[in-house]
C-alpha atoms as a PDB file:
ATOM      1  CA  MET A   1      58.682 -16.897-123.702  1.00  0.00           C
ATOM      2  CA  GLU A   2      59.758 -14.711-120.787  1.00  0.00           C
ATOM      3  CA  GLY A   3      62.150 -11.999-121.894  1.00  0.00           C
ATOM      4  CA  LYS A   4      65.283 -10.543-120.348  1.00  0.00           C
ATOM      5  CA  PRO A   5      67.743  -7.955-121.674  1.00  0.00           C
ATOM      6  CA  ALA A   6      70.274  -9.701-123.912  1.00  0.00           C
ATOM      7  CA  PRO A   7      73.952  -9.069-123.063  1.00  0.00           C
ATOM      8  CA  SER A   8      75.823  -6.598-125.264  1.00  0.00           C
ATOM      9  CA  LEU A   9      72.629  -5.489-126.992  1.00  0.00           C
ATOM     10  CA  PRO A  10      70.905  -2.102-126.908  1.00  0.00           C
ATOM     11  CA  ALA A  11      68.136  -1.376-124.445  1.00  0.00           C
ATOM     12  CA  GLY A  12      64.768  -2.628-125.570  1.00  0.00           C
ATOM     13  CA  VAL A  13      66.102  -5.795-127.231  1.00  0.00           C
ATOM     14  CA  GLN A  14      64.808  -8.900-125.486  1.00  0.00           C
ATOM     15  CA  SER A  15      66.344 -12.374-125.392  1.00  0.00           C
ATOM     16  CA  ARG A  16      63.579 -15.015-125.530  1.00  0.00           C
ATOM     17  CA  PHE A  17      63.056 -18.755-125.926  1.00  0.00           C
ATOM     18  CA  VAL A  18      60.168 -20.640-127.514  1.00  0.00           C
ATOM     19  CA  GLN A  19      59.504 -24.334-128.171  1.00  0.00           C
ATOM     20  CA  VAL A  20      59.194 -24.985-131.909  1.00  0.00           C
ATOM     21  CA  ASP A  21      58.140 -28.604-132.506  1.00  0.00           C
ATOM     22  CA  GLY A  22      60.194 -29.723-129.530  1.00  0.00           C
ATOM     23  CA  ILE A  23      63.257 -27.599-130.372  1.00  0.00           C
ATOM     24  CA  ARG A  24      64.148 -24.980-127.778  1.00  0.00           C
ATOM     25  CA  THR A  25      64.655 -21.952-129.979  1.00  0.00           C
ATOM     26  CA  HIS A  26      66.304 -18.693-128.978  1.00  0.00           C
ATOM     27  CA  TYR A  27      65.464 -15.394-130.608  1.00  0.00           C
ATOM     28  CA  LEU A  28      65.900 -11.672-130.139  1.00  0.00           C
ATOM     29  CA  GLU A  29      62.860  -9.412-130.258  1.00  0.00           C
ATOM     30  CA  ALA A  30      62.537  -5.651-130.425  1.00  0.00           C
ATOM     31  CA  GLY A  31      59.806  -3.210-131.384  1.00  0.00           C
ATOM     32  CA  SER A  32      56.164  -3.565-130.441  1.00  0.00           C
ATOM     33  CA  PRO A  33      54.059  -5.983-132.508  1.00  0.00           C
ATOM     34  CA  ALA A  34      51.610  -3.150-133.161  1.00  0.00           C
ATOM     35  CA  ARG A  35      49.155  -3.305-136.035  1.00  0.00           C
ATOM     36  CA  GLU A  36      50.890  -0.500-137.903  1.00  0.00           C
ATOM     37  CA  ARG A  37      54.328  -2.114-137.675  1.00  0.00           C
ATOM     38  CA  ASP A  38      55.291  -4.753-140.215  1.00  0.00           C
ATOM     39  CA  PRO A  39      57.274  -7.716-138.860  1.00  0.00           C
ATOM     40  CA  VAL A  40      60.898  -8.070-139.950  1.00  0.00           C
ATOM     41  CA  LEU A  41      62.688 -11.414-139.678  1.00  0.00           C
ATOM     42  CA  LEU A  42      66.492 -11.260-139.450  1.00  0.00           C
ATOM     43  CA  VAL A  43      68.382 -14.385-140.585  1.00  0.00           C
ATOM     44  CA  HIS A  44      71.997 -14.576-139.415  1.00  0.00           C
ATOM     45  CA  SER A  45      75.154 -15.755-141.174  1.00  0.00           C
ATOM     46  CA  GLY A  46      76.550 -19.288-140.992  1.00  0.00           C
ATOM     47  CA  GLU A  47      80.227 -19.124-140.017  1.00  0.00           C
ATOM     48  CA  TYR A  48      81.601 -20.889-136.932  1.00  0.00           C
ATOM     49  CA  GLY A  49      80.220 -19.232-133.818  1.00  0.00           C
ATOM     50  CA  ALA A  50      77.506 -17.365-135.764  1.00  0.00           C
ATOM     51  CA  ARG A  51      74.321 -16.256-134.037  1.00  0.00           C
ATOM     52  CA  ALA A  52      71.671 -13.566-134.352  1.00  0.00           C
ATOM     53  CA  GLU A  53      73.378 -11.361-131.780  1.00  0.00           C
ATOM     54  CA  PHE A  54      76.576 -11.127-133.821  1.00  0.00           C
ATOM     55  CA  SER A  55      74.905 -10.439-137.160  1.00  0.00           C
ATOM     56  CA  TRP A  56      72.378  -7.858-135.930  1.00  0.00           C
ATOM     57  CA  ARG A  57      73.752  -6.228-132.769  1.00  0.00           C
ATOM     58  CA  TYR A  58      74.173  -2.838-134.425  1.00  0.00           C
ATOM     59  CA  ASN A  59      71.000  -2.917-136.564  1.00  0.00           C
ATOM     60  CA  ILE A  60      68.196  -4.364-134.506  1.00  0.00           C
ATOM     61  CA  ALA A  61      67.430  -1.349-132.282  1.00  0.00           C
ATOM     62  CA  GLU A  62      67.290   1.053-135.226  1.00  0.00           C
ATOM     63  CA  LEU A  63      65.047  -1.306-137.197  1.00  0.00           C
ATOM     64  CA  ALA A  64      62.823  -1.617-134.127  1.00  0.00           C
ATOM     65  CA  ARG A  65      61.990   2.093-134.356  1.00  0.00           C
ATOM     66  CA  HIS A  66      59.903   1.249-137.416  1.00  0.00           C
ATOM     67  CA  PHE A  67      59.237  -2.512-137.346  1.00  0.00           C
ATOM     68  CA  HIS A  68      58.498  -5.453-135.083  1.00  0.00           C
ATOM     69  CA  VAL A  69      61.843  -7.265-135.328  1.00  0.00           C
ATOM     70  CA  LEU A  70      62.575 -10.932-134.609  1.00  0.00           C
ATOM     71  CA  ALA A  71      66.014 -12.484-135.015  1.00  0.00           C
ATOM     72  CA  PRO A  72      66.097 -16.239-134.323  1.00  0.00           C
ATOM     73  CA  ASP A  73      69.154 -18.399-133.835  1.00  0.00           C
ATOM     74  CA  LEU A  74      68.741 -21.161-136.399  1.00  0.00           C
ATOM     75  CA  PRO A  75      69.083 -24.778-135.189  1.00  0.00           C
ATOM     76  CA  GLY A  76      72.764 -25.532-134.745  1.00  0.00           C
ATOM     77  CA  PHE A  77      73.661 -21.941-133.881  1.00  0.00           C
ATOM     78  CA  GLY A  78      73.745 -19.631-130.893  1.00  0.00           C
ATOM     79  CA  ARG A  79      71.453 -20.437-127.978  1.00  0.00           C
ATOM     80  CA  THR A  80      69.030 -22.558-129.993  1.00  0.00           C
ATOM     81  CA  GLU A  81      69.553 -26.304-129.602  1.00  0.00           C
ATOM     82  CA  LEU A  82      72.697 -27.352-131.454  1.00  0.00           C
ATOM     83  CA  LEU A  83      71.118 -29.857-133.824  1.00  0.00           C
ATOM     84  CA  TYR A  84      71.896 -31.046-137.332  1.00  0.00           C
ATOM     85  CA  ASN A  85      69.520 -33.088-139.497  1.00  0.00           C
ATOM     86  CA  TRP A  86      71.393 -35.681-141.534  1.00  0.00           C
ATOM     87  CA  SER A  87      68.295 -37.027-143.281  1.00  0.00           C
ATOM     88  CA  ASP A  88      67.130 -33.652-144.665  1.00  0.00           C
ATOM     89  CA  PRO A  89      70.000 -31.167-144.367  1.00  0.00           C
ATOM     90  CA  ASN A  90      68.596 -28.619-146.829  1.00  0.00           C
ATOM     91  CA  GLY A  91      64.963 -28.714-145.687  1.00  0.00           C
ATOM     92  CA  PHE A  92      65.386 -28.813-141.912  1.00  0.00           C
ATOM     93  CA  ARG A  93      66.170 -25.152-141.198  1.00  0.00           C
ATOM     94  CA  PRO A  94      63.599 -23.714-143.652  1.00  0.00           C
ATOM     95  CA  ARG A  95      60.882 -25.864-142.050  1.00  0.00           C
ATOM     96  CA  HIS A  96      61.967 -24.788-138.591  1.00  0.00           C
ATOM     97  CA  LEU A  97      61.925 -21.128-139.608  1.00  0.00           C
ATOM     98  CA  ARG A  98      58.446 -21.464-141.058  1.00  0.00           C
ATOM     99  CA  ARG A  99      57.169 -23.148-137.900  1.00  0.00           C
ATOM    100  CA  PHE A 100      58.879 -20.480-135.776  1.00  0.00           C
ATOM    101  CA  MET A 101      56.759 -17.873-137.567  1.00  0.00           C
ATOM    102  CA  GLU A 102      53.612 -19.933-137.146  1.00  0.00           C
ATOM    103  CA  VAL A 103      54.168 -20.625-133.438  1.00  0.00           C
ATOM    104  CA  LEU A 104      54.668 -16.914-132.740  1.00  0.00           C
ATOM    105  CA  GLY A 105      51.801 -15.887-134.999  1.00  0.00           C
ATOM    106  CA  ILE A 106      54.011 -13.888-137.352  1.00  0.00           C
ATOM    107  CA  GLY A 107      52.199 -13.091-140.578  1.00  0.00           C
ATOM    108  CA  PRO A 108      53.778 -11.910-143.846  1.00  0.00           C
ATOM    109  CA  ALA A 109      57.190 -10.451-142.970  1.00  0.00           C
ATOM    110  CA  HIS A 110      60.116  -8.666-144.524  1.00  0.00           C
ATOM    111  CA  PHE A 111      63.260 -10.838-144.490  1.00  0.00           C
ATOM    112  CA  ILE A 112      66.795  -9.509-144.052  1.00  0.00           C
ATOM    113  CA  GLY A 113      69.539 -12.114-144.354  1.00  0.00           C
ATOM    114  CA  ASN A 114      73.295 -11.876-143.938  1.00  0.00           C
ATOM    115  CA  SER A 115      75.582 -14.180-145.993  1.00  0.00           C
ATOM    116  CA  TYR A 116      74.143 -17.684-145.473  1.00  0.00           C
ATOM    117  CA  GLY A 117      71.015 -16.020-144.138  1.00  0.00           C
ATOM    118  CA  GLY A 118      70.724 -13.907-147.285  1.00  0.00           C
ATOM    119  CA  SER A 119      71.033 -16.957-149.501  1.00  0.00           C
ATOM    120  CA  LEU A 120      68.436 -18.753-147.412  1.00  0.00           C
ATOM    121  CA  ALA A 121      66.005 -15.820-147.619  1.00  0.00           C
ATOM    122  CA  LEU A 122      66.354 -15.706-151.409  1.00  0.00           C
ATOM    123  CA  GLN A 123      65.762 -19.442-151.609  1.00  0.00           C
ATOM    124  CA  LEU A 124      62.591 -19.169-149.521  1.00  0.00           C
ATOM    125  CA  ALA A 125      61.323 -16.284-151.648  1.00  0.00           C
ATOM    126  CA  THR A 126      61.242 -18.516-154.746  1.00  0.00           C
ATOM    127  CA  ASP A 127      58.398 -20.446-153.084  1.00  0.00           C
ATOM    128  CA  PRO A 128      55.143 -18.447-153.393  1.00  0.00           C
ATOM    129  CA  SER A 129      53.689 -20.236-150.357  1.00  0.00           C
ATOM    130  CA  TRP A 130      56.133 -18.429-148.048  1.00  0.00           C
ATOM    131  CA  PRO A 131      54.673 -15.288-146.359  1.00  0.00           C
ATOM    132  CA  ILE A 132      57.476 -12.964-147.481  1.00  0.00           C
ATOM    133  CA  ARG A 133      56.822  -9.281-148.192  1.00  0.00           C
ATOM    134  CA  SER A 134      60.345  -8.436-149.346  1.00  0.00           C
ATOM    135  CA  VAL A 135      63.956  -9.622-149.077  1.00  0.00           C
ATOM    136  CA  VAL A 136      67.163  -7.737-148.322  1.00  0.00           C
ATOM    137  CA  ALA A 137      70.131 -10.038-148.998  1.00  0.00           C
ATOM    138  CA  VAL A 138      73.429  -8.831-147.528  1.00  0.00           C
ATOM    139  CA  SER A 139      76.279 -10.660-149.296  1.00  0.00           C
ATOM    140  CA  GLY A 140      73.933 -13.577-149.949  1.00  0.00           C
ATOM    141  CA  GLY A 141      73.029 -15.541-153.056  1.00  0.00           C
ATOM    142  CA  GLY A 142      75.070 -16.501-156.082  1.00  0.00           C
ATOM    143  CA  LEU A 143      77.901 -18.994-156.069  1.00  0.00           C
ATOM    144  CA  ALA A 144      80.480 -19.616-153.332  1.00  0.00           C
ATOM    145  CA  PRO A 145      83.818 -20.310-155.051  1.00  0.00           C
ATOM    146  CA  ASP A 146      86.144 -22.842-153.445  1.00  0.00           C
ATOM    147  CA  ASN A 147      88.971 -20.331-153.088  1.00  0.00           C
ATOM    148  CA  ASP A 148      91.502 -19.548-150.350  1.00  0.00           C
ATOM    149  CA  ALA A 149      89.044 -17.319-148.479  1.00  0.00           C
ATOM    150  CA  ARG A 150      86.431 -20.055-148.355  1.00  0.00           C
ATOM    151  CA  LYS A 151      89.024 -22.553-147.128  1.00  0.00           C
ATOM    152  CA  VAL A 152      89.653 -20.222-144.171  1.00  0.00           C
ATOM    153  CA  LEU A 153      85.916 -20.265-143.353  1.00  0.00           C
ATOM    154  CA  THR A 154      85.498 -24.029-143.644  1.00  0.00           C
ATOM    155  CA  GLY A 155      88.838 -25.219-142.246  1.00  0.00           C
ATOM    156  CA  TYR A 156      88.360 -23.914-138.713  1.00  0.00           C
ATOM    157  CA  THR A 157      89.659 -26.283-136.014  1.00  0.00           C
ATOM    158  CA  GLY A 158      88.778 -24.164-132.976  1.00  0.00           C
ATOM    159  CA  LYS A 159      91.982 -22.165-132.500  1.00  0.00           C
ATOM    160  CA  ARG A 160      91.625 -18.533-131.416  1.00  0.00           C
ATOM    161  CA  GLU A 161      93.885 -17.163-134.157  1.00  0.00           C
ATOM    162  CA  GLU A 162      91.947 -19.112-136.779  1.00  0.00           C
ATOM    163  CA  MET A 163      88.882 -17.147-135.695  1.00  0.00           C
ATOM    164  CA  ARG A 164      90.797 -13.932-136.342  1.00  0.00           C
ATOM    165  CA  GLU A 165      91.517 -15.135-139.874  1.00  0.00           C
ATOM    166  CA  ILE A 166      87.822 -15.925-140.374  1.00  0.00           C
ATOM    167  CA  LEU A 167      86.904 -12.388-139.306  1.00  0.00           C
ATOM    168  CA  LYS A 168      89.507 -10.956-141.680  1.00  0.00           C
ATOM    169  CA  VAL A 169      87.772 -12.804-144.502  1.00  0.00           C
ATOM    170  CA  LEU A 170      84.329 -11.600-143.426  1.00  0.00           C
ATOM    171  CA  PHE A 171      85.065  -7.953-142.595  1.00  0.00           C
ATOM    172  CA  PHE A 172      87.005  -5.214-144.341  1.00  0.00           C
ATOM    173  CA  ALA A 173      87.620  -2.878-141.394  1.00  0.00           C
ATOM    174  CA  GLU A 174      90.244  -3.901-138.828  1.00  0.00           C
ATOM    175  CA  ARG A 175      87.998  -3.047-135.862  1.00  0.00           C
ATOM    176  CA  TRP A 176      85.956  -6.175-136.612  1.00  0.00           C
ATOM    177  CA  TRP A 177      88.944  -8.440-135.988  1.00  0.00           C
ATOM    178  CA  ALA A 178      90.256  -6.654-132.903  1.00  0.00           C
ATOM    179  CA  ASP A 179      91.157  -8.796-129.885  1.00  0.00           C
ATOM    180  CA  ALA A 180      87.851  -8.255-128.050  1.00  0.00           C
ATOM    181  CA  VAL A 181      85.789  -9.274-131.094  1.00  0.00           C
ATOM    182  CA  VAL A 182      87.993 -12.295-131.752  1.00  0.00           C
ATOM    183  CA  GLU A 183      87.661 -13.375-128.121  1.00  0.00           C
ATOM    184  CA  GLU A 184      83.863 -13.125-128.116  1.00  0.00           C
ATOM    185  CA  ARG A 185      83.451 -14.984-131.401  1.00  0.00           C
ATOM    186  CA  TRP A 186      86.032 -17.607-130.454  1.00  0.00           C
ATOM    187  CA  ARG A 187      84.307 -18.325-127.133  1.00  0.00           C
ATOM    188  CA  ALA A 188      80.952 -18.649-128.910  1.00  0.00           C
ATOM    189  CA  SER A 189      82.444 -21.132-131.372  1.00  0.00           C
ATOM    190  CA  ARG A 190      83.854 -23.188-128.486  1.00  0.00           C
ATOM    191  CA  GLU A 191      80.592 -23.627-126.583  1.00  0.00           C
ATOM    192  CA  PRO A 192      79.746 -27.333-126.184  1.00  0.00           C
ATOM    193  CA  GLY A 193      78.351 -28.661-129.456  1.00  0.00           C
ATOM    194  CA  ALA A 194      78.807 -25.447-131.473  1.00  0.00           C
ATOM    195  CA  TRP A 195      81.792 -26.617-133.534  1.00  0.00           C
ATOM    196  CA  GLU A 196      80.238 -30.028-134.154  1.00  0.00           C
ATOM    197  CA  ALA A 197      76.896 -28.577-135.325  1.00  0.00           C
ATOM    198  CA  CYS A 198      78.606 -26.197-137.736  1.00  0.00           C
ATOM    199  CA  ALA A 199      81.114 -28.778-138.990  1.00  0.00           C
ATOM    200  CA  ALA A 200      78.546 -31.562-139.493  1.00  0.00           C
ATOM    201  CA  PRO A 201      77.452 -30.540-143.031  1.00  0.00           C
ATOM    202  CA  ARG A 202      81.028 -30.833-144.238  1.00  0.00           C
ATOM    203  CA  LEU A 203      81.311 -34.405-142.978  1.00  0.00           C
ATOM    204  CA  ALA A 204      78.771 -35.808-145.446  1.00  0.00           C
ATOM    205  CA  PRO A 205      80.248 -38.530-147.692  1.00  0.00           C
ATOM    206  CA  GLU A 206      81.352 -37.409-151.125  1.00  0.00           C
ATOM    207  CA  GLY A 207      78.435 -37.368-153.536  1.00  0.00           C
ATOM    208  CA  GLU A 208      75.787 -36.891-150.843  1.00  0.00           C
ATOM    209  CA  ALA A 209      73.977 -33.642-150.045  1.00  0.00           C
ATOM    210  CA  ARG A 210      76.071 -31.234-148.006  1.00  0.00           C
ATOM    211  CA  GLY A 211      73.487 -29.248-146.134  1.00  0.00           C
ATOM    212  CA  PHE A 212      75.426 -26.146-145.076  1.00  0.00           C
ATOM    213  CA  ARG A 213      75.222 -24.617-148.522  1.00  0.00           C
ATOM    214  CA  VAL A 214      71.938 -23.438-149.955  1.00  0.00           C
ATOM    215  CA  GLU A 215      71.180 -24.857-153.365  1.00  0.00           C
ATOM    216  CA  ARG A 216      71.224 -22.046-155.904  1.00  0.00           C
ATOM    217  CA  PRO A 217      67.545 -21.459-156.674  1.00  0.00           C
ATOM    218  CA  ASP A 218      65.863 -20.115-159.775  1.00  0.00           C
ATOM    219  CA  TYR A 219      65.743 -16.452-158.832  1.00  0.00           C
ATOM    220  CA  THR A 220      63.300 -15.718-161.649  1.00  0.00           C
ATOM    221  CA  LYS A 221      60.625 -17.336-159.449  1.00  0.00           C
ATOM    222  CA  ILE A 222      60.925 -14.619-156.794  1.00  0.00           C
ATOM    223  CA  GLY A 223      57.773 -12.527-156.809  1.00  0.00           C
ATOM    224  CA  CYS A 224      58.520 -10.051-153.981  1.00  0.00           C
ATOM    225  CA  PRO A 225      60.767  -6.957-153.993  1.00  0.00           C
ATOM    226  CA  VAL A 226      64.471  -7.799-153.448  1.00  0.00           C
ATOM    227  CA  LEU A 227      67.415  -5.612-152.521  1.00  0.00           C
END
């Protein structure tokens, strides 16, 4: 779990790896795990090329002033092994996230999730066995309509300009789809295995579980504070 400064991240943010049940798992860490600091787990979005660094680059250092912050790359994303579980598509990542916390000795934590990560955090919070103090869901939860915007997100074939269109769907301000941002995201989505891992859930036969989406849970079962 040796750390080194992560590229394009503020000082004090470490890039680390840990073995979680045989899966080499990458995560970002910032803020001392002091007794008086609650842990915060950041769960990234799920578009092509997504990773913790992209979702939390401009938040993690500020959060680390007050919390012990961990931001893992989920299996199939970023620098974690690019795996997809066909036999249990909806349970694989939650189990891995739970074991990630256990391996690192992370007790009850606040969860902040972006888009897919927000939906996942809300889903986990419906289970009282999860050690969740609170949830902040950023554009997560609810239904995902099969509209033109969603077709842009799911129809990606790896072309650079298609990545620009994805970023236009995701972000309001033009600076987030400038050439430099497009280039970085596009290159991340083209790393060996990245497109395949993200596309795999959409290749399930009709009528079978498609694991990229999070099943809409019964939010009335959530017992922790939610924003």
